[in-house]
Amino acid sequence: MTPCLPLFCVLVADVLMIHNKETMQLFTRRTNPIFLQMKNLLVTNENLRQARNLFLPRLMNGSIAV
């Protein structure tokens, strides 16, 4: 079983009542890919934001030709 992300652990601790280990493992297997995708999308958004901030000024002043 993969370790949970901090957000996942907080959600489980604060919102859900897990009655047994099997239920917890099932929940983790089904939701961990969602939280991993959220993490990957946040990283991708940050990379895109940095690229935009780097290239937009250069495009606007004409130092990069389109």
Protein backbone atom coordinates (compact mmCIF):
# COMPACT_ATOMS: atom_id res chain seq x y z
CA MET A 1 0.00 0.00 0.00
CA THR A 2 1.34 3.46 -0.87
CA PRO A 3 1.74 6.02 1.91
CA CYS A 4 -0.97 8.63 2.09
CA LEU A 5 -0.45 12.25 1.25
CA PRO A 6 -0.75 14.72 4.15
CA LEU A 7 -4.01 16.16 2.79
CA PHE A 8 -5.46 12.66 2.54
CA CYS A 9 -4.45 11.89 6.13
CA VAL A 10 -6.05 15.11 7.37
CA LEU A 11 -9.27 14.39 5.49
CA VAL A 12 -9.43 10.90 6.91
CA ALA A 13 -8.69 12.12 10.43
CA ASP A 14 -11.09 15.09 10.38
CA VAL A 15 -14.00 14.00 8.22
CA LEU A 16 -14.35 10.25 8.00
CA MET A 17 -14.87 7.57 10.56
CA ILE A 18 -13.07 4.43 9.42
CA HIS A 19 -14.45 1.40 11.20
CA ASN A 20 -11.88 -1.18 10.20
CA LYS A 21 -8.56 -1.63 8.46
CA GLU A 22 -10.11 -3.17 5.33
CA THR A 23 -12.38 -0.15 4.81
CA MET A 24 -9.42 2.18 5.27
CA GLN A 25 -7.34 0.27 2.73
CA LEU A 26 -10.18 0.27 0.20
CA PHE A 27 -10.71 4.00 0.65
CA THR A 28 -6.97 4.64 0.27
CA ARG A 29 -6.70 2.57 -2.91
CA ARG A 30 -9.62 4.41 -4.48
CA THR A 31 -8.75 7.95 -3.45
CA ASN A 32 -4.94 8.06 -3.47
CA PRO A 33 -4.78 8.36 -7.29
CA ILE A 34 -7.06 11.41 -7.06
CA PHE A 35 -4.82 13.13 -4.52
CA LEU A 36 -1.70 12.25 -6.53
CA GLN A 37 -3.33 13.77 -9.63
CA MET A 38 -4.15 16.92 -7.65
CA LYS A 39 -0.51 17.17 -6.56
CA ASN A 40 0.72 16.67 -10.15
CA LEU A 41 -1.67 19.32 -11.47
CA LEU A 42 -0.47 21.82 -8.87
CA VAL A 43 3.15 21.22 -9.93
CA THR A 44 2.20 21.54 -13.61
CA ASN A 45 0.33 24.80 -12.96
CA GLU A 46 3.36 26.24 -11.16
CA ASN A 47 5.65 25.26 -14.05
CA LEU A 48 3.29 26.86 -16.57
CA ARG A 49 3.05 30.01 -14.43
CA GLN A 50 6.84 30.30 -14.36
CA ALA A 51 7.10 29.77 -18.13
CA ARG A 52 4.46 32.43 -18.74
CA ASN A 53 6.24 34.90 -16.48
CA LEU A 54 9.50 34.25 -18.29
CA PHE A 55 8.30 34.40 -21.89
CA LEU A 56 5.42 36.90 -21.90
CA PRO A 57 7.57 39.99 -21.27
CA ARG A 58 9.98 38.87 -23.99
CA LEU A 59 7.13 38.39 -26.44
CA MET A 60 5.64 41.76 -25.57
CA ASN A 61 8.89 43.70 -26.13
CA GLY A 62 9.71 41.83 -29.34
CA SER A 63 12.90 40.09 -28.23
CA ILE A 64 11.28 36.75 -29.19
CA ALA A 65 9.83 36.48 -32.69
CA VAL A 66 6.70 34.43 -33.17
